[in-house]
């Protein structure tokens, strides 16, 4: 056994134009590096400092019908309670070694709650949200404030807030969870704490609007009683009716010859924190996109990764070299700096709006905060 046998560093002398000339002295130098756990930049620069981002994640598509069927089977086999906490089934990007990560920074999962079930209260530093593709009758309880969940609703929840879920109906309900678990995992920043085992009778009521909506859910208005910026939005529910109206108005303005859309036939809105006007969560950006039937978006590359879910309609999406036909509920991943475009094939027969509606969340705020954000639209010179 050599003296370097236990070192994880392994260096090879390579006969290459961009490497030092091979020699016995160079081999001895590399053995010294291995012994002292040192890695010279000249052997790693192509991997550590590439010309552009090379994501470890790959484009991938998950079919909603398949996820829902498996979640229903889990609903009859796997209890919800202390220990497992949630019947949440995470998307595992095929290039990330079997980890439950959709991308290196983003977690996405289908969560399934059976009739009458409670998901127990807990809190964690991970920032989170819920998005409802279909169904209603479940509500989440955040800080003892019951918040109804219905189709199309986006329900954000900043980290370290107590939260539980309850299904008051006689039918199962599924939704998607989005969190920054992978980011906090790799940065070793996460905390978790159990809460109460049961919620109160008052928290099992079904209010038309939560307390957070009554205080914060008025467009363009904020309560004087709550001054100052908050890092995560205090509004716990962004309702589909408001999102739908905003997207509809953008496309109507375009049809009338006025500005308002991102590009021809492509309307988009971003959910914002009413105390700052910025992103709803410190590490997660969330948007809804509507692409008019027959329209196609220009290929876009961005630093940072995204997860999309088809909320309504049908179309064809292209992510790098992959291309898929998609319908309601399907989820797919766009890795960092991989081009993405979508073509709407939606009609009134498969979409309430007659368009392709795409729910999107990304890690954009992280890269903007670090001044590492960059985007490029194909066909543009800058």
Protein backbone atom coordinates (compact mmCIF):
# COMPACT_ATOMS: atom_id res chain seq x y z
CA UNK A 1 0.00 0.00 0.00
CA UNK A 2 1.42 3.42 -0.96
CA UNK A 3 1.42 6.38 1.40
CA UNK A 4 -1.28 8.03 -0.75
CA UNK A 5 -3.65 5.04 -0.75
CA UNK A 6 -6.14 6.71 1.62
CA UNK A 7 -6.20 10.04 -0.22
CA UNK A 8 -9.37 10.80 -2.18
CA UNK A 9 -7.30 12.96 -4.53
CA UNK A 10 -6.17 11.15 -7.66
CA UNK A 11 -4.08 12.97 -10.28
CA UNK A 12 -2.92 11.56 -13.59
CA UNK A 13 -0.13 12.84 -15.80
CA UNK A 14 -1.71 13.51 -19.19
CA UNK A 15 0.08 14.00 -22.50
CA UNK A 16 -1.98 16.90 -23.80
CA UNK A 17 -1.21 20.31 -25.36
CA UNK A 18 -2.90 22.12 -22.45
CA UNK A 19 -1.07 20.12 -19.74
CA UNK A 20 2.54 20.10 -18.49
CA UNK A 21 5.03 17.86 -20.31
CA UNK A 22 4.93 14.35 -18.77
CA UNK A 23 7.96 13.40 -16.71
CA UNK A 24 8.96 11.40 -13.65
CA UNK A 25 9.35 14.68 -11.75
CA UNK A 26 5.79 15.69 -12.64
CA UNK A 27 4.48 12.34 -11.42
CA UNK A 28 6.32 12.82 -8.15
CA UNK A 29 4.86 16.34 -7.82
CA UNK A 30 1.35 14.93 -8.34
CA UNK A 31 1.96 12.29 -5.67
CA UNK A 32 2.92 15.10 -3.31
CA UNK A 33 -0.33 16.89 -4.14
CA UNK A 34 -2.31 13.72 -3.45
CA UNK A 35 -0.62 13.22 -0.08
CA UNK A 36 -1.38 16.77 1.05
CA UNK A 37 -4.92 16.77 -0.43
CA UNK A 38 -4.19 19.40 -3.05
CA UNK A 39 -5.65 19.73 -6.56
CA UNK A 40 -3.96 22.00 -9.13
CA UNK A 41 -6.29 24.22 -11.14
CA UNK A 42 -4.61 23.33 -14.45
CA UNK A 43 -5.98 19.77 -14.24
CA UNK A 44 -9.54 20.87 -13.41
CA UNK A 45 -10.18 24.21 -15.10
CA UNK A 46 -12.33 22.77 -17.90
CA UNK A 47 -14.70 21.25 -15.36
CA UNK A 48 -14.62 24.01 -12.73
CA UNK A 49 -14.71 26.98 -15.11
CA UNK A 50 -16.50 25.95 -18.32
CA UNK A 51 -17.44 28.42 -21.03
CA UNK A 52 -21.11 28.21 -20.00
CA UNK A 53 -23.19 26.39 -17.35
CA UNK A 54 -23.28 22.61 -17.72
CA UNK A 55 -26.06 21.40 -15.47
CA UNK A 56 -25.89 18.05 -13.73
CA UNK A 57 -29.65 17.80 -14.27
CA UNK A 58 -31.19 16.76 -17.57
CA UNK A 59 -34.52 17.58 -19.21
CA UNK A 60 -37.20 15.14 -18.11
CA UNK A 61 -40.99 14.78 -18.25
CA UNK A 62 -43.34 13.21 -15.70
CA UNK A 63 -46.86 12.31 -16.81
CA UNK A 64 -49.54 13.52 -14.39
CA UNK A 65 -51.79 10.51 -14.94
CA UNK A 66 -48.98 8.16 -13.90
CA UNK A 67 -48.12 10.25 -10.84
CA UNK A 68 -51.75 10.43 -9.76
CA UNK A 69 -52.26 6.68 -10.08
CA UNK A 70 -49.17 5.93 -7.97
CA UNK A 71 -50.10 8.57 -5.40
CA UNK A 72 -53.55 6.99 -5.07
CA UNK A 73 -51.98 3.59 -4.43
CA UNK A 74 -49.74 5.18 -1.81
CA UNK A 75 -52.83 6.75 -0.25
CA UNK A 76 -54.19 3.28 0.51
CA UNK A 77 -50.88 1.86 1.74
CA UNK A 78 -48.91 4.64 3.43
CA UNK A 79 -50.31 6.43 6.49
CA UNK A 80 -49.80 10.13 7.19
CA UNK A 81 -48.49 10.94 10.65
CA UNK A 82 -45.44 11.55 12.74
CA UNK A 83 -42.32 10.15 11.15
CA UNK A 84 -43.24 10.36 7.49
CA UNK A 85 -45.12 13.64 8.09
CA UNK A 86 -46.40 13.97 4.52
CA UNK A 87 -47.50 11.66 1.74
CA UNK A 88 -45.31 13.59 -0.66
CA UNK A 89 -43.68 11.80 -3.60
CA UNK A 90 -40.77 13.73 -5.07
CA UNK A 91 -39.63 13.96 -8.67
CA UNK A 92 -36.12 12.51 -9.05
CA UNK A 93 -34.15 13.89 -11.96
CA UNK A 94 -32.58 10.86 -13.69
CA UNK A 95 -29.13 12.48 -13.76
CA UNK A 96 -28.92 13.31 -10.03
CA UNK A 97 -28.08 9.88 -8.70
CA UNK A 98 -31.49 8.89 -7.41
CA UNK A 99 -31.76 11.84 -5.04
CA UNK A 100 -35.31 13.23 -4.64
CA UNK A 101 -34.33 16.44 -6.45
CA UNK A 102 -36.00 17.74 -9.61
CA UNK A 103 -32.98 20.01 -10.18
CA UNK A 104 -29.83 20.71 -8.13
CA UNK A 105 -31.73 23.48 -6.29
CA UNK A 106 -35.45 22.63 -6.55
CA UNK A 107 -37.73 20.00 -5.04
CA UNK A 108 -41.07 19.17 -6.66
CA UNK A 109 -43.49 16.54 -5.38
CA UNK A 110 -47.06 15.36 -5.69
CA UNK A 111 -48.74 15.39 -2.29
CA UNK A 112 -51.83 13.25 -1.70
CA UNK A 113 -54.28 13.52 1.17
CA UNK A 114 -57.08 11.02 1.73
CA UNK A 115 -60.59 11.99 2.94
CA UNK A 116 -60.62 13.19 6.54
CA UNK A 117 -56.84 13.01 6.88
CA UNK A 118 -54.62 15.51 8.64
CA UNK A 119 -50.99 16.10 7.72
CA UNK A 120 -49.45 17.03 11.09
CA UNK A 121 -48.07 20.43 11.96
CA UNK A 122 -44.37 21.15 11.55
CA UNK A 123 -42.05 23.87 10.36
CA UNK A 124 -38.78 24.05 8.48
CA UNK A 125 -36.38 26.62 7.10
CA UNK A 126 -37.08 25.46 3.55
CA UNK A 127 -39.30 27.90 1.65
CA UNK A 128 -42.33 26.17 0.16
CA UNK A 129 -45.53 26.49 -1.80
CA UNK A 130 -48.51 24.44 -2.92
CA UNK A 131 -50.16 24.63 -6.33
CA UNK A 132 -53.49 23.01 -7.10
CA UNK A 133 -54.11 21.53 -10.54
CA UNK A 134 -57.44 19.93 -9.73
CA UNK A 135 -59.82 19.47 -6.82
CA UNK A 136 -60.84 21.46 -3.77
CA UNK A 137 -61.93 20.95 -0.19
CA UNK A 138 -58.52 20.71 1.40
CA UNK A 139 -57.06 23.58 3.31
CA UNK A 140 -53.65 24.32 4.65
CA UNK A 141 -53.26 25.88 8.09
CA UNK A 142 -50.32 28.29 8.31
CA UNK A 143 -49.69 29.95 11.66
CA UNK A 144 -53.15 28.72 12.74
CA UNK A 145 -54.75 30.56 9.80
CA UNK A 146 -56.90 28.13 7.71
CA UNK A 147 -56.41 28.74 3.98
CA UNK A 148 -58.74 27.04 1.45
CA UNK A 149 -57.09 25.35 -1.54
CA UNK A 150 -58.84 25.21 -4.93
CA UNK A 151 -57.93 24.56 -8.56
CA UNK A 152 -55.48 27.12 -9.88
CA UNK A 153 -54.63 28.55 -6.47
CA UNK A 154 -51.01 29.25 -5.60
CA UNK A 155 -50.26 29.05 -1.87
CA UNK A 156 -46.76 30.18 -0.81
CA UNK A 157 -45.29 29.75 2.63
CA UNK A 158 -42.00 31.27 3.72
CA UNK A 159 -39.65 29.17 5.80
CA UNK A 160 -40.02 28.59 9.55
CA UNK A 161 -43.81 28.99 9.61
CA UNK A 162 -45.93 26.35 11.36
CA UNK A 163 -48.20 24.57 8.89
CA UNK A 164 -50.52 21.57 8.63
CA UNK A 165 -53.08 20.29 6.09
CA UNK A 166 -56.58 18.88 6.42
CA UNK A 167 -58.91 17.17 3.95
CA UNK A 168 -62.51 17.84 4.95
CA UNK A 169 -64.05 16.16 1.91
CA UNK A 170 -65.03 12.59 1.05
CA UNK A 171 -62.55 12.45 -1.85
CA UNK A 172 -58.74 12.35 -2.05
CA UNK A 173 -56.95 15.47 -3.20
CA UNK A 174 -53.57 15.94 -4.88
CA UNK A 175 -51.44 19.00 -5.45
CA UNK A 176 -47.80 19.79 -6.13
CA UNK A 177 -45.31 20.99 -3.55
CA UNK A 178 -42.34 23.14 -4.47
CA UNK A 179 -39.45 23.74 -2.06
CA UNK A 180 -35.80 24.75 -2.04
CA UNK A 181 -34.79 21.55 -0.23
CA UNK A 182 -31.84 20.70 -2.54
CA UNK A 183 -30.41 24.22 -2.22
CA UNK A 184 -30.59 24.22 1.56
CA UNK A 185 -29.30 20.64 1.64
CA UNK A 186 -26.15 21.39 -0.35
CA UNK A 187 -25.51 24.62 1.59
CA UNK A 188 -26.07 22.80 4.91
CA UNK A 189 -28.50 25.46 6.13
CA UNK A 190 -31.66 23.49 6.97
CA UNK A 191 -33.59 23.22 10.26
CA UNK A 192 -36.79 21.27 11.06
CA UNK A 193 -39.13 21.16 14.07
CA UNK A 194 -42.25 19.16 14.95
CA UNK A 195 -45.39 21.05 15.93
CA UNK A 196 -48.68 20.07 17.51
CA UNK A 197 -50.01 16.58 16.91
CA UNK A 198 -53.54 17.89 16.22
CA UNK A 199 -55.06 21.12 14.96
CA UNK A 200 -57.96 22.77 16.79
CA UNK A 201 -61.63 22.66 15.87
CA UNK A 202 -61.45 26.31 14.79
CA UNK A 203 -58.68 25.43 12.33
CA UNK A 204 -60.89 22.76 10.78
CA UNK A 205 -63.41 25.32 9.59
CA UNK A 206 -63.59 26.24 5.91
CA UNK A 207 -63.44 30.03 5.63
CA UNK A 208 -64.16 31.61 2.29
CA UNK A 209 -61.01 33.69 2.77
CA UNK A 210 -58.12 33.28 5.15
CA UNK A 211 -57.09 36.01 7.57
CA UNK A 212 -54.01 36.67 5.44
CA UNK A 213 -56.20 37.34 2.39
CA UNK A 214 -58.47 39.67 4.32
CA UNK A 215 -55.45 41.71 5.37
CA UNK A 216 -53.15 41.48 2.34
CA UNK A 217 -55.23 40.33 -0.62
CA UNK A 218 -56.30 43.71 -2.03
CA UNK A 219 -54.56 44.71 -5.30
CA UNK A 220 -52.34 47.74 -4.95
CA UNK A 221 -53.18 48.21 -1.27
CA UNK A 222 -51.33 47.27 1.91
CA UNK A 223 -52.35 47.65 5.55
CA UNK A 224 -50.79 50.63 7.31
CA UNK A 225 -50.83 48.51 10.47
CA UNK A 226 -48.10 46.26 9.02
CA UNK A 227 -45.25 48.48 7.78
CA UNK A 228 -41.87 47.34 6.51
CA UNK A 229 -40.60 44.70 4.12
CA UNK A 230 -40.87 40.98 4.77
CA UNK A 231 -38.52 38.46 3.13
CA UNK A 232 -41.41 36.12 2.30
CA UNK A 233 -44.92 37.11 1.27
CA UNK A 234 -47.49 37.42 4.09
CA UNK A 235 -50.27 36.66 1.59
CA UNK A 236 -50.94 32.92 1.84
CA UNK A 237 -53.16 32.45 -1.21
CA UNK A 238 -53.10 33.86 -4.73
CA UNK A 239 -56.42 32.92 -6.28
CA UNK A 240 -56.86 31.57 -9.78
CA UNK A 241 -59.62 34.04 -10.65
CA UNK A 242 -57.16 36.93 -10.29
CA UNK A 243 -54.39 35.15 -12.21
CA UNK A 244 -56.77 34.19 -15.01
CA UNK A 245 -58.09 37.74 -15.33
CA UNK A 246 -54.58 39.18 -15.58
CA UNK A 247 -53.54 36.76 -18.33
CA UNK A 248 -56.79 37.29 -20.23
CA UNK A 249 -56.34 41.07 -20.12
CA UNK A 250 -52.78 40.86 -21.45
CA UNK A 251 -53.83 38.90 -24.52
CA UNK A 252 -56.84 41.20 -25.02
CA UNK A 253 -54.55 44.25 -24.94
CA UNK A 254 -52.30 42.61 -27.51
CA UNK A 255 -55.28 41.91 -29.76
CA UNK A 256 -56.21 45.59 -29.51
CA UNK A 257 -52.72 46.64 -30.60
CA UNK A 258 -51.39 47.64 -27.18
CA UNK A 259 -48.28 46.39 -25.34
CA UNK A 260 -48.60 43.95 -22.45
CA UNK A 261 -47.42 40.50 -23.52
CA UNK A 262 -43.90 39.06 -23.26
CA UNK A 263 -43.89 38.23 -26.98
CA UNK A 264 -46.62 37.69 -29.56
CA UNK A 265 -49.29 35.39 -28.14
CA UNK A 266 -47.43 34.91 -24.84
CA UNK A 267 -48.89 36.42 -21.66
CA UNK A 268 -47.15 35.96 -18.31
CA UNK A 269 -47.49 37.09 -14.71
CA UNK A 270 -45.19 36.77 -11.71
CA UNK A 271 -46.49 36.25 -8.19
CA UNK A 272 -45.05 38.96 -5.93
CA UNK A 273 -44.57 39.83 -2.28
CA UNK A 274 -46.91 42.77 -1.49
CA UNK A 275 -44.41 44.20 1.02
CA UNK A 276 -41.54 44.47 -1.48
CA UNK A 277 -42.88 44.01 -5.01
CA UNK A 278 -40.22 41.31 -5.40
CA UNK A 279 -40.46 37.54 -5.53
CA UNK A 280 -42.87 35.78 -3.19
CA UNK A 281 -40.08 33.74 -1.60
CA UNK A 282 -36.38 34.51 -1.10
CA UNK A 283 -35.17 31.50 -3.12
CA UNK A 284 -38.10 30.67 -5.41
CA UNK A 285 -39.68 32.60 -8.29
CA UNK A 286 -43.17 31.63 -9.42
CA UNK A 287 -44.99 32.58 -12.61
CA UNK A 288 -47.98 31.63 -14.76
CA UNK A 289 -47.67 31.70 -18.53
CA UNK A 290 -50.46 31.60 -21.10
CA UNK A 291 -49.67 30.87 -24.75
CA UNK A 292 -52.44 31.54 -27.23
CA UNK A 293 -53.46 28.60 -29.42
CA UNK A 294 -51.08 28.31 -32.39
CA UNK A 295 -48.44 30.61 -30.86
CA UNK A 296 -44.89 29.51 -30.11
CA UNK A 297 -42.37 31.05 -27.73
CA UNK A 298 -38.82 31.92 -28.78
CA UNK A 299 -36.16 29.56 -27.35
CA UNK A 300 -34.89 30.97 -24.06
CA UNK A 301 -31.77 30.10 -22.06
CA UNK A 302 -31.45 31.18 -18.43
CA UNK A 303 -28.94 30.63 -15.65
CA UNK A 304 -30.78 28.58 -13.04
CA UNK A 305 -33.30 25.78 -13.36
CA UNK A 306 -37.09 25.62 -13.61
CA UNK A 307 -39.91 23.16 -13.08
CA UNK A 308 -43.07 23.57 -15.17
CA UNK A 309 -46.52 22.07 -14.76
CA UNK A 310 -49.20 22.21 -17.44
CA UNK A 311 -52.19 23.78 -15.76
CA UNK A 312 -54.51 23.68 -18.76
CA UNK A 313 -54.50 22.99 -22.47
CA UNK A 314 -52.09 21.04 -24.62
CA UNK A 315 -48.98 21.74 -26.62
CA UNK A 316 -45.46 20.74 -27.45
CA UNK A 317 -42.49 21.76 -25.36
CA UNK A 318 -38.85 21.55 -26.36
CA UNK A 319 -36.07 21.45 -23.76
CA UNK A 320 -32.64 21.16 -25.34
CA UNK A 321 -32.73 18.06 -27.56
CA UNK A 322 -35.89 16.69 -25.91
CA UNK A 323 -39.38 17.42 -27.20
CA UNK A 324 -42.70 16.24 -25.77
CA UNK A 325 -46.41 16.65 -26.33
CA UNK A 326 -47.94 17.69 -23.01
CA UNK A 327 -51.39 17.90 -21.46
CA UNK A 328 -52.94 18.96 -18.16
CA UNK A 329 -50.88 18.13 -15.09
CA UNK A 330 -47.70 16.98 -16.84
CA UNK A 331 -44.48 18.22 -15.21
CA UNK A 332 -41.09 18.80 -16.79
CA UNK A 333 -37.68 20.19 -15.90
CA UNK A 334 -35.61 22.84 -17.68
CA UNK A 335 -31.98 22.69 -16.45
CA UNK A 336 -29.69 25.71 -16.28
CA UNK A 337 -28.77 27.26 -19.65
CA UNK A 338 -30.70 24.65 -21.63
CA UNK A 339 -32.95 26.30 -24.25
CA UNK A 340 -36.70 26.04 -23.72
CA UNK A 341 -39.61 26.81 -26.03
CA UNK A 342 -43.30 25.92 -26.11
CA UNK A 343 -45.91 25.74 -28.85
CA UNK A 344 -49.57 25.91 -27.90
CA UNK A 345 -51.91 23.38 -29.50
CA UNK A 346 -54.73 24.19 -27.09
CA UNK A 347 -58.32 24.66 -28.16
CA UNK A 348 -61.61 25.26 -26.40
CA UNK A 349 -62.00 21.46 -26.16
CA UNK A 350 -59.06 20.99 -23.78
CA UNK A 351 -58.62 24.39 -22.16
CA UNK A 352 -60.96 26.75 -20.36
CA UNK A 353 -59.06 29.70 -21.83
CA UNK A 354 -58.44 28.10 -25.22
CA UNK A 355 -54.71 28.50 -24.54
CA UNK A 356 -51.79 26.57 -23.07
CA UNK A 357 -51.36 27.59 -19.43
CA UNK A 358 -47.99 26.76 -17.84
CA UNK A 359 -47.22 27.11 -14.14
CA UNK A 360 -43.52 27.68 -13.57
CA UNK A 361 -41.22 27.92 -10.57
CA UNK A 362 -37.49 28.56 -10.61
CA UNK A 363 -34.46 29.40 -8.50
CA UNK A 364 -34.10 32.82 -10.15
CA UNK A 365 -33.94 34.88 -6.92
CA UNK A 366 -30.82 33.00 -5.78
CA UNK A 367 -28.86 33.89 -8.90
CA UNK A 368 -30.12 37.47 -8.98
CA UNK A 369 -29.06 37.98 -5.36
CA UNK A 370 -25.58 36.69 -6.24
CA UNK A 371 -25.43 38.73 -9.47
CA UNK A 372 -25.07 35.50 -11.44
CA UNK A 373 -28.31 35.76 -13.43
CA UNK A 374 -28.16 35.76 -17.20
CA UNK A 375 -30.67 35.08 -19.97
CA UNK A 376 -30.57 34.85 -23.74
CA UNK A 377 -33.42 34.67 -26.24
CA UNK A 378 -32.52 32.92 -29.50
CA UNK A 379 -32.38 35.41 -32.34
CA UNK A 380 -31.48 38.37 -30.16
CA UNK A 381 -27.99 39.81 -30.40
CA UNK A 382 -27.63 40.68 -26.68
